[in-house]
Amino acid sequence: MVELRSEENGARPSSGRAFSFCSDGGRCFSGSLSDWKVQLVFWLIFVVGLISDLWSKRAVFEWLGQRPGRVAVLIDGLLNFVIAENSGAAFGVATGRRNWLISVSFISLIIIFVVFLSGRIRQRSIYAALGLFAAGICGNLYDRLFNNGLVRDFIDVVYWSGRHWPAFNVADSMLCVGVGLVIISGLFTEKSAQRRAQQHK
C-alpha cells in the first residue's frame, strides 16, 4: 500500500506544496508541486505548442496535396513547404523502428513530467524548455501512433545552393528551441555560480 502525504513547505516558497509517497516497507519519496505561475508557463507552452504542430501539419499537407509538384516556395532559394514523411527520428535515425521510437517517446514524457512535478528546478526557462519538449514529443508521437508510424514534415530549408536541410516540422523546431534554452540556462547558472564564488573569496 502506498500513502500520499502532503504538507506546506516553508523552506522553499517557490516550490509550493510538498508531497511524499510512503510504502508499507517504510521507504518514502518526497518532492514538491510547482506553483501556479510555473504551472501556467509549462501548460500554456505545452498546449499551444501541441495544437500548433498538429494544426500546421494538417493545414500544410491538405494545401500542398492539391498543388502540382506538392511544393510551395515561400522564399526563393531559402525556404519551401514540401510534403515529406519520416519513419525514423531526426536525420533518419532509427528508420522503421516504430515501436522502439514510441517507447522512447513515452519514457521521455514520463521523465519530463516527473522533473516538472518535482518542483526542484528554479529557472522558469527550464520549465519553458520542458513544455517545449513535451509538446514536440507529443506532436511527433501522435503521427507515429495514428499516421502509420510516419511523422509528417513540411519545412524545407536551403542552407547552401542546391543543398537542403532534412525536412522538419513545428514539433522538431520546439525540441531544438528547448535544447537551446537548457544550454543557455546552464551557461547563465554557471556564470552566476562563478560570480558568487568570487564574491566569497
Protein backbone atom coordinates (compact mmCIF):
# COMPACT_ATOMS: atom_id res chain seq x y z
CA MET A 1 0.00 0.00 0.00
CA VAL A 2 1.24 3.46 -0.91
CA GLU A 3 0.34 6.51 1.16
CA LEU A 4 0.40 10.07 -0.20
CA ARG A 5 1.26 12.74 2.36
CA SER A 6 1.11 16.48 1.72
CA GLU A 7 2.44 19.40 3.74
CA GLU A 8 3.32 23.06 3.30
CA ASN A 9 6.97 23.58 2.56
CA GLY A 10 8.12 26.85 4.11
CA ALA A 11 11.78 26.29 3.27
CA ARG A 12 11.17 26.64 -0.46
CA PRO A 13 8.40 29.14 -1.13
CA SER A 14 8.79 28.96 -4.88
CA SER A 15 8.07 25.25 -4.91
CA GLY A 16 4.55 25.36 -3.48
CA ARG A 17 3.14 22.34 -1.69
CA ALA A 18 5.41 19.43 -0.77
CA PHE A 19 4.39 15.80 -1.14
CA SER A 20 5.78 12.40 -0.23
CA PHE A 21 4.99 8.83 -1.23
CA CYS A 22 5.43 6.22 1.50
CA SER A 23 5.13 2.48 1.05
CA ASP A 24 4.44 -0.23 3.63
CA GLY A 25 8.14 -1.02 3.61
CA GLY A 26 8.85 2.37 5.14
CA ARG A 27 10.51 3.89 2.08
CA CYS A 28 9.42 7.46 1.31
CA PHE A 29 9.98 9.59 -1.76
CA SER A 30 9.37 13.30 -1.40
CA GLY A 31 9.08 16.24 -3.77
CA SER A 32 7.00 19.36 -4.30
CA LEU A 33 4.41 20.61 -6.74
CA SER A 34 5.24 23.64 -8.85
CA ASP A 35 3.49 26.92 -8.04
CA TRP A 36 0.71 28.20 -10.29
CA LYS A 37 2.96 30.56 -12.29
CA VAL A 38 5.28 27.73 -13.26
CA GLN A 39 2.26 25.52 -13.96
CA LEU A 40 0.91 28.23 -16.28
CA VAL A 41 4.20 28.58 -18.18
CA PHE A 42 4.52 24.83 -18.69
CA TRP A 43 0.93 24.03 -19.61
CA LEU A 44 0.45 27.08 -21.84
CA ILE A 45 3.55 26.25 -23.88
CA PHE A 46 2.63 22.57 -23.98
CA VAL A 47 -0.97 23.05 -25.13
CA VAL A 48 -0.30 25.88 -27.61
CA GLY A 49 2.76 24.11 -28.98
CA LEU A 50 0.98 20.80 -29.49
CA ILE A 51 -2.03 22.42 -31.17
CA SER A 52 0.25 24.49 -33.43
CA ASP A 53 2.18 21.40 -34.52
CA LEU A 54 -0.85 19.25 -35.30
CA TRP A 55 -2.75 22.09 -36.98
CA SER A 56 0.21 23.14 -39.15
CA LYS A 57 0.80 19.56 -40.32
CA ARG A 58 -2.80 19.09 -41.30
CA ALA A 59 -3.16 22.51 -42.95
CA VAL A 60 0.04 22.32 -45.00
CA PHE A 61 -0.47 18.72 -46.11
CA GLU A 62 -4.05 19.45 -47.21
CA TRP A 63 -2.90 22.58 -49.04
CA LEU A 64 0.09 21.04 -50.76
CA GLY A 65 -1.85 17.90 -51.62
CA GLN A 66 -3.80 19.99 -54.14
CA ARG A 67 -0.73 21.64 -55.72
CA PRO A 68 1.19 20.27 -58.71
CA GLY A 69 4.58 19.03 -57.57
CA ARG A 70 3.48 19.37 -53.93
CA VAL A 71 5.95 22.21 -53.26
CA ALA A 72 5.29 25.81 -52.22
CA VAL A 73 8.16 28.29 -52.50
CA LEU A 74 8.00 30.79 -49.64
CA ILE A 75 11.43 32.44 -50.01
CA ASP A 76 13.08 31.53 -53.30
CA GLY A 77 16.32 29.67 -52.74
CA LEU A 78 15.89 29.62 -48.96
CA LEU A 79 12.56 28.31 -47.62
CA ASN A 80 9.92 25.99 -49.06
CA PHE A 81 6.96 23.95 -47.88
CA VAL A 82 7.06 20.33 -49.04
CA ILE A 83 5.34 17.05 -48.26
CA ALA A 84 7.66 14.57 -46.57
CA GLU A 85 7.08 11.66 -44.20
CA ASN A 86 9.74 10.15 -41.98
CA SER A 87 9.59 6.70 -40.38
CA GLY A 88 12.54 7.48 -38.10
CA ALA A 89 13.77 10.20 -35.80
CA ALA A 90 15.83 13.29 -36.75
CA PHE A 91 18.19 12.80 -39.70
CA GLY A 92 16.64 9.39 -40.38
CA VAL A 93 17.93 7.83 -37.15
CA ALA A 94 16.17 4.54 -36.22
CA THR A 95 14.29 4.48 -39.52
CA GLY A 96 11.49 1.92 -39.50
CA ARG A 97 11.77 1.19 -35.76
CA ARG A 98 8.28 2.44 -34.92
CA ASN A 99 7.72 0.52 -31.67
CA TRP A 100 11.14 1.49 -30.31
CA LEU A 101 10.56 5.17 -31.10
CA ILE A 102 7.11 5.08 -29.50
CA SER A 103 8.58 3.50 -26.35
CA VAL A 104 11.33 6.11 -26.17
CA SER A 105 8.74 8.88 -26.58
CA PHE A 106 6.61 7.58 -23.70
CA ILE A 107 9.65 7.15 -21.44
CA SER A 108 10.81 10.68 -22.29
CA LEU A 109 7.38 12.10 -21.46
CA ILE A 110 7.36 10.33 -18.09
CA ILE A 111 10.78 11.79 -17.26
CA ILE A 112 9.68 15.29 -18.32
CA PHE A 113 6.56 15.22 -16.14
CA VAL A 114 8.45 13.77 -13.16
CA VAL A 115 11.01 16.58 -13.40
CA PHE A 116 8.23 19.16 -13.82
CA LEU A 117 6.20 17.95 -10.84
CA SER A 118 9.24 17.63 -8.59
CA GLY A 119 9.49 21.43 -8.39
CA ARG A 120 13.25 21.22 -7.85
CA ILE A 121 14.14 23.46 -10.79
CA ARG A 122 14.44 27.18 -10.02
CA GLN A 123 14.78 28.69 -13.54
CA ARG A 124 11.50 29.29 -15.34
CA SER A 125 13.33 28.98 -18.65
CA ILE A 126 13.85 25.30 -17.85
CA TYR A 127 10.12 24.86 -17.26
CA ALA A 128 9.54 26.55 -20.62
CA ALA A 129 12.00 24.08 -22.16
CA LEU A 130 10.15 21.17 -20.54
CA GLY A 131 6.89 22.46 -22.05
CA LEU A 132 8.53 22.63 -25.48
CA PHE A 133 9.94 19.12 -25.07
CA ALA A 134 6.56 17.71 -24.06
CA ALA A 135 4.75 19.42 -26.95
CA GLY A 136 7.36 18.37 -29.51
CA ILE A 137 7.44 14.76 -28.37
CA CYS A 138 3.62 14.51 -28.26
CA GLY A 139 3.29 16.09 -31.71
CA ASN A 140 5.54 13.52 -33.36
CA LEU A 141 4.22 10.71 -31.16
CA TYR A 142 0.71 11.44 -32.46
CA ASP A 143 1.94 10.81 -36.02
CA ARG A 144 3.72 7.60 -35.06
CA LEU A 145 0.55 6.31 -33.41
CA PHE A 146 -2.07 7.48 -35.92
CA ASN A 147 -0.23 8.01 -39.23
CA ASN A 148 1.12 4.51 -39.84
CA GLY A 149 4.32 5.32 -37.95
CA LEU A 150 5.21 8.18 -40.31
CA VAL A 151 6.00 11.66 -38.95
CA ARG A 152 4.77 14.47 -41.21
CA ASP A 153 7.47 17.01 -42.13
CA PHE A 154 6.98 20.03 -44.36
CA ILE A 155 9.58 22.75 -43.64
CA ASP A 156 12.36 22.67 -46.24
CA VAL A 157 15.36 24.97 -45.67
CA VAL A 158 18.02 25.51 -48.32
CA TYR A 159 21.23 26.22 -46.39
CA TRP A 160 23.50 26.26 -49.47
CA SER A 161 22.90 26.42 -53.19
CA GLY A 162 21.29 23.10 -54.07
CA ARG A 163 21.70 21.73 -50.53
CA HIS A 164 18.64 21.14 -48.39
CA TRP A 165 18.42 20.56 -44.65
CA PRO A 166 16.34 17.45 -43.89
CA ALA A 167 12.66 18.43 -43.85
CA PHE A 168 11.26 19.05 -40.38
CA ASN A 169 8.11 20.29 -38.64
CA VAL A 170 6.97 22.55 -35.81
CA ALA A 171 7.48 19.77 -33.23
CA ASP A 172 11.11 19.39 -34.27
CA SER A 173 11.58 23.15 -34.03
CA MET A 174 10.22 23.18 -30.48
CA LEU A 175 12.59 20.40 -29.46
CA CYS A 176 15.56 22.37 -30.83
CA VAL A 177 14.45 25.58 -29.07
CA GLY A 178 14.04 23.60 -25.85
CA VAL A 179 17.60 22.30 -26.10
CA GLY A 180 18.81 25.85 -26.72
CA LEU A 181 17.00 27.12 -23.61
CA VAL A 182 18.57 24.39 -21.48
CA ILE A 183 22.05 25.23 -22.77
CA ILE A 184 21.59 28.99 -22.25
CA SER A 185 20.15 28.45 -18.76
CA GLY A 186 23.09 26.24 -17.88
CA LEU A 187 25.57 28.87 -19.04
CA PHE A 188 23.89 31.63 -17.02
CA THR A 189 23.65 29.40 -13.96
CA GLU A 190 27.34 28.53 -14.22
CA LYS A 191 28.33 32.20 -14.59
CA SER A 192 26.18 33.15 -11.59
CA ALA A 193 27.80 30.42 -9.51
CA GLN A 194 31.25 31.64 -10.53
CA ARG A 195 30.38 35.24 -9.57
CA ARG A 196 29.10 34.13 -6.17
CA ALA A 197 32.24 32.07 -5.60
CA GLN A 198 34.44 35.07 -6.44
CA GLN A 199 32.46 37.34 -4.09
CA HIS A 200 33.00 34.92 -1.19
CA LYS A 201 36.78 34.81 -1.70
